[in-house]
C-alpha atoms as a PDB file:
ATOM      1  CA  MET A   1       0.000   0.000   0.000  1.00  0.00           C
ATOM      2  CA  LEU A   2       1.131   3.553  -0.710  1.00  0.00           C
ATOM      3  CA  SER A   3       2.406   5.760   2.096  1.00  0.00           C
ATOM      4  CA  HIS A   4      -0.060   8.193   3.664  1.00  0.00           C
ATOM      5  CA  GLU A   5       1.519  11.082   1.810  1.00  0.00           C
ATOM      6  CA  HIS A   6       1.296   9.305  -1.526  1.00  0.00           C
ATOM      7  CA  LEU A   7      -2.288   8.251  -0.828  1.00  0.00           C
ATOM      8  CA  LYS A   8      -3.191  11.843  -0.108  1.00  0.00           C
ATOM      9  CA  GLN A   9      -1.407  13.102  -3.206  1.00  0.00           C
ATOM     10  CA  ASP A  10      -3.270  10.553  -5.321  1.00  0.00           C
ATOM     11  CA  LEU A  11      -6.671  11.989  -4.358  1.00  0.00           C
ATOM     12  CA  GLN A  12      -5.393  15.558  -4.531  1.00  0.00           C
ATOM     13  CA  PHE A  13      -4.250  14.939  -8.106  1.00  0.00           C
ATOM     14  CA  GLN A  14      -7.697  13.645  -9.062  1.00  0.00           C
ATOM     15  CA  LEU A  15      -9.358  16.695  -7.488  1.00  0.00           C
ATOM     16  CA  HIS A  16      -6.921  19.001  -9.272  1.00  0.00           C
ATOM     17  CA  GLN A  17      -7.870  17.392 -12.589  1.00  0.00           C
ATOM     18  CA  LEU A  18     -11.486  18.431 -11.950  1.00  0.00           C
ATOM     19  CA  SER A  19     -10.623  22.039 -11.090  1.00  0.00           C
ATOM     20  CA  ASP A  20     -12.819  24.733 -12.608  1.00  0.00           C
ATOM     21  CA  HIS A  21     -11.385  28.265 -12.507  1.00  0.00           C
ATOM     22  CA  LYS A  22     -14.809  29.926 -12.651  1.00  0.00           C
ATOM     23  CA  LYS A  23     -16.076  27.849  -9.708  1.00  0.00           C
ATOM     24  CA  LYS A  24     -12.858  28.561  -7.838  1.00  0.00           C
ATOM     25  CA  ALA A  25     -13.261  32.327  -8.281  1.00  0.00           C
ATOM     26  CA  TRP A  26     -16.958  32.230  -7.367  1.00  0.00           C
ATOM     27  CA  TRP A  27     -16.435  30.236  -4.174  1.00  0.00           C
ATOM     28  CA  GLU A  28     -13.469  32.283  -3.014  1.00  0.00           C
ATOM     29  CA  ASN A  29     -15.474  35.476  -3.516  1.00  0.00           C
ATOM     30  CA  TYR A  30     -18.510  34.007  -1.754  1.00  0.00           C
ATOM     31  CA  VAL A  31     -16.822  32.469   1.281  1.00  0.00           C
ATOM     32  CA  LYS A  32     -14.124  35.152   1.782  1.00  0.00           C
ATOM     33  CA  HIS A  33     -11.786  34.575   4.797  1.00  0.00           C
ATOM     34  CA  ASP A  34      -8.891  34.122   2.317  1.00  0.00           C
ATOM     35  CA  SER A  35     -10.226  30.618   1.652  1.00  0.00           C
ATOM     36  CA  CYS A  36      -8.545  28.614  -1.132  1.00  0.00           C
ATOM     37  CA  PHE A  37     -10.620  26.532  -3.540  1.00  0.00           C
ATOM     38  CA  ARG A  38      -9.778  24.230  -6.411  1.00  0.00           C
ATOM     39  CA  GLY A  39     -13.206  24.726  -7.955  1.00  0.00           C
ATOM     40  CA  VAL A  40     -14.717  21.245  -7.463  1.00  0.00           C
ATOM     41  CA  GLY A  41     -18.297  20.590  -6.338  1.00  0.00           C
ATOM     42  CA  MET A  42     -19.258  18.471  -3.331  1.00  0.00           C
ATOM     43  CA  PRO A  43     -20.841  15.641  -5.419  1.00  0.00           C
ATOM     44  CA  GLN A  44     -17.601  15.327  -7.395  1.00  0.00           C
ATOM     45  CA  ILE A  45     -15.483  15.330  -4.237  1.00  0.00           C
ATOM     46  CA  ARG A  46     -17.660  12.602  -2.738  1.00  0.00           C
ATOM     47  CA  GLU A  47     -17.482  10.431  -5.868  1.00  0.00           C
ATOM     48  CA  GLU A  48     -13.718  10.836  -6.296  1.00  0.00           C
ATOM     49  CA  MET A  49     -13.117  10.146  -2.625  1.00  0.00           C
ATOM     50  CA  LYS A  50     -15.193   6.932  -2.707  1.00  0.00           C
ATOM     51  CA  GLN A  51     -13.421   5.678  -5.835  1.00  0.00           C
ATOM     52  CA  TRP A  52     -10.045   6.510  -4.280  1.00  0.00           C
ATOM     53  CA  TYR A  53     -10.975   4.725  -1.035  1.00  0.00           C
ATOM     54  CA  THR A  54     -11.992   1.578  -2.923  1.00  0.00           C
ATOM     55  CA  LYS A  55      -9.109   1.634  -5.407  1.00  0.00           C
ATOM     56  CA  ASN A  56      -6.549   1.807  -2.617  1.00  0.00           C
ATOM     57  CA  SER A  57      -8.327  -0.782  -0.414  1.00  0.00           C
ATOM     58  CA  LEU A  58      -8.324   1.653   2.472  1.00  0.00           C
ATOM     59  CA  ASP A  59     -10.764  -0.517   4.375  1.00  0.00           C
ATOM     60  CA  GLN A  60      -7.724  -2.773   4.971  1.00  0.00           C
ATOM     61  CA  LEU A  61      -5.834   0.067   6.640  1.00  0.00           C
ATOM     62  CA  PRO A  62      -6.073   0.092  10.475  1.00  0.00           C
ATOM     63  CA  ILE A  63      -8.780   2.527  11.524  1.00  0.00           C
ATOM     64  CA  ASN A  64      -6.416   4.694  13.552  1.00  0.00           C
ATOM     65  CA  GLN A  65      -4.373   5.221  10.368  1.00  0.00           C
ATOM     66  CA  GLN A  66      -7.534   5.971   8.400  1.00  0.00           C
ATOM     67  CA  LEU A  67      -8.409   8.604  10.983  1.00  0.00           C
ATOM     68  CA  GLU A  68      -4.911  10.061  10.780  1.00  0.00           C
ATOM     69  CA  LEU A  69      -5.304  10.286   6.998  1.00  0.00           C
ATOM     70  CA  ALA A  70      -8.734  11.954   7.226  1.00  0.00           C
ATOM     71  CA  LEU A  71      -7.446  14.561   9.678  1.00  0.00           C
ATOM     72  CA  SER A  72      -4.418  15.213   7.482  1.00  0.00           C
ATOM     73  CA  PHE A  73      -6.746  16.215   4.638  1.00  0.00           C
ATOM     74  CA  ILE A  74      -8.415  18.775   6.912  1.00  0.00           C
ATOM     75  CA  ALA A  75      -4.963  20.232   7.579  1.00  0.00           C
ATOM     76  CA  GLU A  76      -4.497  20.991   3.853  1.00  0.00           C
ATOM     77  CA  LYS A  77      -5.061  24.494   2.446  1.00  0.00           C
ATOM     78  CA  TYR A  78      -7.689  23.774  -0.216  1.00  0.00           C
ATOM     79  CA  ALA A  79     -11.341  23.623   0.805  1.00  0.00           C
ATOM     80  CA  GLU A  80     -11.953  20.552  -1.352  1.00  0.00           C
ATOM     81  CA  ASP A  81      -9.161  18.656   0.428  1.00  0.00           C
ATOM     82  CA  LYS A  82     -10.675  19.584   3.781  1.00  0.00           C
ATOM     83  CA  LEU A  83     -14.083  18.441   2.562  1.00  0.00           C
ATOM     84  CA  ALA A  84     -12.613  15.123   1.438  1.00  0.00           C
ATOM     85  CA  GLY A  85     -11.352  14.627   4.998  1.00  0.00           C
ATOM     86  CA  ILE A  86     -14.755  15.528   6.391  1.00  0.00           C
ATOM     87  CA  LEU A  87     -16.453  13.043   4.060  1.00  0.00           C
ATOM     88  CA  LEU A  88     -13.980  10.334   5.083  1.00  0.00           C
ATOM     89  CA  LEU A  89     -14.958  10.943   8.702  1.00  0.00           C
ATOM     90  CA  GLN A  90     -18.659  10.945   7.911  1.00  0.00           C
ATOM     91  CA  ILE A  91     -18.857   7.931   5.613  1.00  0.00           C
ATOM     92  CA  TYR A  92     -16.209   5.567   6.954  1.00  0.00           C
ATOM     93  CA  LEU A  93     -15.056   6.514  10.444  1.00  0.00           C
ATOM     94  CA  GLY A  94     -17.715   8.276  12.519  1.00  0.00           C
ATOM     95  CA  ASP A  95     -19.032   5.052  14.057  1.00  0.00           C
ATOM     96  CA  LYS A  96     -15.634   3.391  14.534  1.00  0.00           C
ATOM     97  CA  PHE A  97     -14.413   5.417  17.536  1.00  0.00           C
ATOM     98  CA  ASP A  98     -15.587   6.506  20.946  1.00  0.00           C
ATOM     99  CA  TYR A  99     -17.046   9.990  20.574  1.00  0.00           C
ATOM    100  CA  GLN A 100     -14.956  11.356  23.455  1.00  0.00           C
ATOM    101  CA  PHE A 101     -11.763  10.326  21.690  1.00  0.00           C
ATOM    102  CA  LEU A 102     -12.966  11.878  18.426  1.00  0.00           C
ATOM    103  CA  LEU A 103     -13.886  15.158  20.081  1.00  0.00           C
ATOM    104  CA  LEU A 104     -10.363  15.453  21.452  1.00  0.00           C
ATOM    105  CA  GLN A 105      -8.991  14.999  17.922  1.00  0.00           C
ATOM    106  CA  PHE A 106     -11.454  17.534  16.573  1.00  0.00           C
ATOM    107  CA  ALA A 107     -10.621  20.123  19.226  1.00  0.00           C
ATOM    108  CA  ALA A 108      -7.021  19.931  18.041  1.00  0.00           C
ATOM    109  CA  ILE A 109      -8.163  20.853  14.514  1.00  0.00           C
ATOM    110  CA  PHE A 110      -9.381  24.192  15.819  1.00  0.00           C
ATOM    111  CA  LYS A 111      -6.367  24.732  18.047  1.00  0.00           C
ATOM    112  CA  LYS A 112      -4.134  24.316  14.991  1.00  0.00           C
ATOM    113  CA  LYS A 113      -6.433  26.636  12.983  1.00  0.00           C
ATOM    114  CA  TYR A 114      -7.182  24.154  10.210  1.00  0.00           C
ATOM    115  CA  ILE A 115     -10.795  25.382  10.074  1.00  0.00           C
ATOM    116  CA  THR A 116     -10.960  29.125   9.523  1.00  0.00           C
ATOM    117  CA  ASP A 117     -14.160  29.869   7.611  1.00  0.00           C
ATOM    118  CA  TRP A 118     -17.901  29.309   7.954  1.00  0.00           C
ATOM    119  CA  ASN A 119     -18.132  27.027   4.927  1.00  0.00           C
ATOM    120  CA  ILE A 120     -15.809  24.299   6.212  1.00  0.00           C
ATOM    121  CA  CYS A 121     -17.007  24.819   9.785  1.00  0.00           C
ATOM    122  CA  ASP A 122     -20.631  24.232   8.831  1.00  0.00           C
ATOM    123  CA  TRP A 123     -19.929  21.209   6.632  1.00  0.00           C
ATOM    124  CA  PHE A 124     -17.962  19.717   9.534  1.00  0.00           C
ATOM    125  CA  CYS A 125     -20.920  20.335  11.852  1.00  0.00           C
ATOM    126  CA  VAL A 126     -23.562  18.966   9.505  1.00  0.00           C
ATOM    127  CA  LYS A 127     -21.628  15.967   8.196  1.00  0.00           C
ATOM    128  CA  VAL A 128     -19.633  14.888  11.258  1.00  0.00           C
ATOM    129  CA  LEU A 129     -20.771  16.406  14.554  1.00  0.00           C
ATOM    130  CA  ARG A 130     -24.500  16.006  13.922  1.00  0.00           C
ATOM    131  CA  ALA A 131     -23.973  12.325  13.091  1.00  0.00           C
ATOM    132  CA  LEU A 132     -21.999  11.873  16.316  1.00  0.00           C
ATOM    133  CA  ILE A 133     -24.855  13.401  18.304  1.00  0.00           C
ATOM    134  CA  GLN A 134     -27.442  11.229  16.556  1.00  0.00           C
ATOM    135  CA  LYS A 135     -25.419   8.087  17.281  1.00  0.00           C
ATOM    136  CA  ASN A 136     -24.439   8.861  20.883  1.00  0.00           C
ATOM    137  CA  GLY A 137     -27.318  11.019  22.139  1.00  0.00           C
ATOM    138  CA  LEU A 138     -27.297  13.505  25.000  1.00  0.00           C
ATOM    139  CA  PRO A 139     -23.868  12.712  26.517  1.00  0.00           C
ATOM    140  CA  CYS A 140     -22.209  13.549  23.209  1.00  0.00           C
ATOM    141  CA  ALA A 141     -24.502  16.546  22.686  1.00  0.00           C
ATOM    142  CA  ARG A 142     -23.512  17.957  26.084  1.00  0.00           C
ATOM    143  CA  ALA A 143     -19.810  17.538  25.278  1.00  0.00           C
ATOM    144  CA  ILE A 144     -20.144  19.432  21.980  1.00  0.00           C
ATOM    145  CA  ALA A 145     -22.290  22.113  23.621  1.00  0.00           C
ATOM    146  CA  LYS A 146     -19.411  22.805  26.030  1.00  0.00           C
ATOM    147  CA  TRP A 147     -17.495  24.219  23.085  1.00  0.00           C
ATOM    148  CA  ASN A 148     -19.689  27.309  23.473  1.00  0.00           C
ATOM    149  CA  THR A 149     -16.966  28.857  25.652  1.00  0.00           C
ATOM    150  CA  ALA A 150     -14.129  28.216  23.194  1.00  0.00           C
ATOM    151  CA  LYS A 151     -11.988  31.219  22.332  1.00  0.00           C
ATOM    152  CA  ASN A 152     -11.793  30.055  18.725  1.00  0.00           C
ATOM    153  CA  VAL A 153     -14.962  31.402  17.096  1.00  0.00           C
ATOM    154  CA  TRP A 154     -15.265  28.451  14.695  1.00  0.00           C
ATOM    155  CA  GLN A 155     -15.098  25.895  17.484  1.00  0.00           C
ATOM    156  CA  ALA A 156     -17.638  27.927  19.436  1.00  0.00           C
ATOM    157  CA  ARG A 157     -19.863  28.109  16.336  1.00  0.00           C
ATOM    158  CA  CYS A 158     -19.895  24.299  16.250  1.00  0.00           C
ATOM    159  CA  SER A 159     -21.617  24.240  19.646  1.00  0.00           C
ATOM    160  CA  VAL A 160     -24.624  25.755  17.896  1.00  0.00           C
ATOM    161  CA  VAL A 161     -24.482  24.684  14.243  1.00  0.00           C
ATOM    162  CA  ALA A 162     -24.029  21.002  15.141  1.00  0.00           C
ATOM    163  CA  PHE A 163     -27.653  21.203  16.359  1.00  0.00           C
ATOM    164  CA  ALA A 164     -29.049  23.112  13.362  1.00  0.00           C
ATOM    165  CA  ASN A 165     -30.797  20.088  11.879  1.00  0.00           C
ATOM    166  CA  LEU A 166     -31.694  18.716  15.316  1.00  0.00           C
ATOM    167  CA  ALA A 167     -33.307  21.945  16.507  1.00  0.00           C
ATOM    168  CA  THR A 168     -36.836  20.564  16.453  1.00  0.00           C
ATOM    169  CA  GLU A 169     -35.909  17.662  18.769  1.00  0.00           C
ATOM    170  CA  LYS A 170     -37.005  18.748  22.238  1.00  0.00           C
ATOM    171  CA  LYS A 171     -34.269  16.896  24.101  1.00  0.00           C
ATOM    172  CA  TYR A 172     -31.649  19.207  22.569  1.00  0.00           C
ATOM    173  CA  ILE A 173     -33.442  22.566  22.850  1.00  0.00           C
ATOM    174  CA  ARG A 174     -32.074  23.556  26.266  1.00  0.00           C
ATOM    175  CA  LEU A 175     -28.489  22.818  25.220  1.00  0.00           C
ATOM    176  CA  LEU A 176     -28.970  24.796  22.034  1.00  0.00           C
ATOM    177  CA  LEU A 177     -30.483  27.802  23.786  1.00  0.00           C
ATOM    178  CA  ASP A 178     -27.730  27.835  26.410  1.00  0.00           C
ATOM    179  CA  SER A 179     -25.075  27.858  23.682  1.00  0.00           C
ATOM    180  CA  ASN A 180     -26.995  30.475  21.713  1.00  0.00           C
ATOM    181  CA  LYS A 181     -27.016  32.743  24.748  1.00  0.00           C
ATOM    182  CA  LYS A 182     -23.232  32.647  24.934  1.00  0.00           C
ATOM    183  CA  LEU A 183     -22.668  33.079  21.206  1.00  0.00           C
ATOM    184  CA  ILE A 184     -25.103  35.940  20.650  1.00  0.00           C
ATOM    185  CA  ALA A 185     -23.202  37.936  23.283  1.00  0.00           C
ATOM    186  CA  ARG A 186     -19.929  37.591  21.338  1.00  0.00           C
ATOM    187  CA  HIS A 187     -18.823  40.344  18.981  1.00  0.00           C
ATOM    188  CA  GLU A 188     -17.891  38.092  16.023  1.00  0.00           C
ATOM    189  CA  ARG A 189     -20.310  38.176  13.109  1.00  0.00           C
ATOM    190  CA  PHE A 190     -20.204  34.400  12.616  1.00  0.00           C
ATOM    191  CA  ALA A 191     -21.016  33.703  16.235  1.00  0.00           C
ATOM    192  CA  LYS A 192     -24.184  35.770  15.885  1.00  0.00           C
ATOM    193  CA  THR A 193     -25.185  34.351  12.477  1.00  0.00           C
ATOM    194  CA  ALA A 194     -25.004  30.824  13.906  1.00  0.00           C
ATOM    195  CA  VAL A 195     -27.588  31.864  16.487  1.00  0.00           C
ATOM    196  CA  GLY A 196     -29.869  33.327  13.835  1.00  0.00           C
ATOM    197  CA  TRP A 197     -29.695  30.157  11.754  1.00  0.00           C
ATOM    198  CA  THR A 198     -30.506  27.772  14.602  1.00  0.00           C
ATOM    199  CA  LEU A 199     -33.295  29.958  16.005  1.00  0.00           C
ATOM    200  CA  ARG A 200     -34.843  29.979  12.544  1.00  0.00           C
ATOM    201  CA  GLU A 201     -34.925  26.173  12.676  1.00  0.00           C
ATOM    202  CA  VAL A 202     -36.451  26.160  16.163  1.00  0.00           C
ATOM    203  CA  SER A 203     -39.122  28.611  14.981  1.00  0.00           C
ATOM    204  CA  LYS A 204     -40.496  26.032  12.559  1.00  0.00           C
ATOM    205  CA  THR A 205     -42.151  24.317  15.518  1.00  0.00           C
ATOM    206  CA  ASP A 206     -41.858  26.777  18.439  1.00  0.00           C
ATOM    207  CA  GLN A 207     -41.973  30.500  17.690  1.00  0.00           C
ATOM    208  CA  HIS A 208     -42.827  31.327  21.300  1.00  0.00           C
ATOM    209  CA  THR A 209     -39.446  30.023  22.526  1.00  0.00           C
ATOM    210  CA  VAL A 210     -37.620  31.963  19.809  1.00  0.00           C
ATOM    211  CA  ALA A 211     -39.461  35.200  20.570  1.00  0.00           C
ATOM    212  CA  ALA A 212     -38.712  34.807  24.292  1.00  0.00           C
ATOM    213  CA  PHE A 213     -35.022  34.220  23.576  1.00  0.00           C
ATOM    214  CA  ILE A 214     -34.842  37.311  21.371  1.00  0.00           C
ATOM    215  CA  GLN A 215     -36.534  39.444  24.010  1.00  0.00           C
ATOM    216  CA  GLU A 216     -34.160  38.237  26.720  1.00  0.00           C
ATOM    217  CA  ASN A 217     -31.042  38.779  24.587  1.00  0.00           C
ATOM    218  CA  ARG A 218     -32.208  41.692  22.408  1.00  0.00           C
ATOM    219  CA  LEU A 219     -29.218  43.929  23.193  1.00  0.00           C
ATOM    220  CA  HIS A 220     -26.862  41.501  21.441  1.00  0.00           C
ATOM    221  CA  PHE A 221     -28.610  40.853  18.136  1.00  0.00           C
ATOM    222  CA  SER A 222     -27.304  42.207  14.841  1.00  0.00           C
ATOM    223  CA  LYS A 223     -29.791  43.011  12.077  1.00  0.00           C
ATOM    224  CA  GLU A 224     -28.482  40.050  10.118  1.00  0.00           C
ATOM    225  CA  SER A 225     -28.873  37.507  12.914  1.00  0.00           C
ATOM    226  CA  LEU A 226     -32.314  38.805  13.883  1.00  0.00           C
ATOM    227  CA  ALA A 227     -33.602  38.738  10.305  1.00  0.00           C
ATOM    228  CA  ASN A 228     -32.611  35.093  10.027  1.00  0.00           C
ATOM    229  CA  ALA A 229     -34.065  34.156  13.416  1.00  0.00           C
ATOM    230  CA  ILE A 230     -37.518  35.526  12.535  1.00  0.00           C
ATOM    231  CA  LYS A 231     -37.531  34.542   8.869  1.00  0.00           C
ATOM    232  CA  TYR A 232     -40.616  32.322   9.269  1.00  0.00           C
ATOM    233  CA  PHE A 233     -42.611  34.716  11.468  1.00  0.00           C
ATOM    234  CA  ASP A 234     -45.553  36.535   9.901  1.00  0.00           C
ATOM    235  CA  LYS A 235     -44.912  40.086   8.705  1.00  0.00           C
ATOM    236  CA  ASN A 236     -46.739  41.809  11.540  1.00  0.00           C
ATOM    237  CA  ARG A 237     -44.879  39.871  14.241  1.00  0.00           C
ATOM    238  CA  LYS A 238     -41.563  40.511  12.482  1.00  0.00           C
ATOM    239  CA  ASN A 239     -42.194  44.246  12.565  1.00  0.00           C
ATOM    240  CA  ILE A 240     -43.064  44.188  16.258  1.00  0.00           C
ATOM    241  CA  ILE A 241     -39.927  42.224  17.200  1.00  0.00           C
ATOM    242  CA  GLN A 242     -37.658  44.424  15.066  1.00  0.00           C
ATOM    243  CA  ARG A 243     -39.033  47.564  16.711  1.00  0.00           C
ATOM    244  CA  GLU A 244     -38.514  46.084  20.172  1.00  0.00           C
ATOM    245  CA  VAL A 245     -34.924  45.142  19.419  1.00  0.00           C
ATOM    246  CA  PHE A 246     -33.712  48.195  17.519  1.00  0.00           C
ATOM    247  CA  THR A 247     -35.624  51.125  19.008  1.00  0.00           C
END
């Protein structure tokens, strides 16, 4: 079997072959944060990664080495390489390790600043952390929620966004609201936008809870985060809430 570095280079070469300069320019302009893209879409990354995994018989590689390889992709500069690592974690490795061990490895990703934009952060939350919560339940959810005090804004954002698609499940609401309270009080734009996104999801089934949260934390909302939080409210209620927050 090829060395880890050669295995990684093999997939990177395939992704480079699919590069599209127009997509690259569009994504870099859209995401900002000095993010680097090759210009390859998620479906293509997924397909290339699966073919690469099968071709190289990576299922025969010890799982700790597979994990090491996945994390090494996230350490690369291109978004598509990072996404390949995230997909490796999601598809092949998320159920192979104790969640506490994985969370320690993931915390190191943020400490080393391998995730530095909302795009990669949110894919990591949706593809990896959400699946961990679904598999391991409340103990895992509580451990991820504790990231709400992290100095690194992207790690802190995970404590909220990991619950975005679980926001209608009542057992997670209190954890989500507690994390939202900490993040909305932060000055970073992408801490506040995470709150707006998850409150929007909660509002699909419980607008009363969302309205109460906004009222309690109204001094910390930006126009952007508030607009997202109340997206599904009727026009009259939106106007009332906006007046209460900004006047």
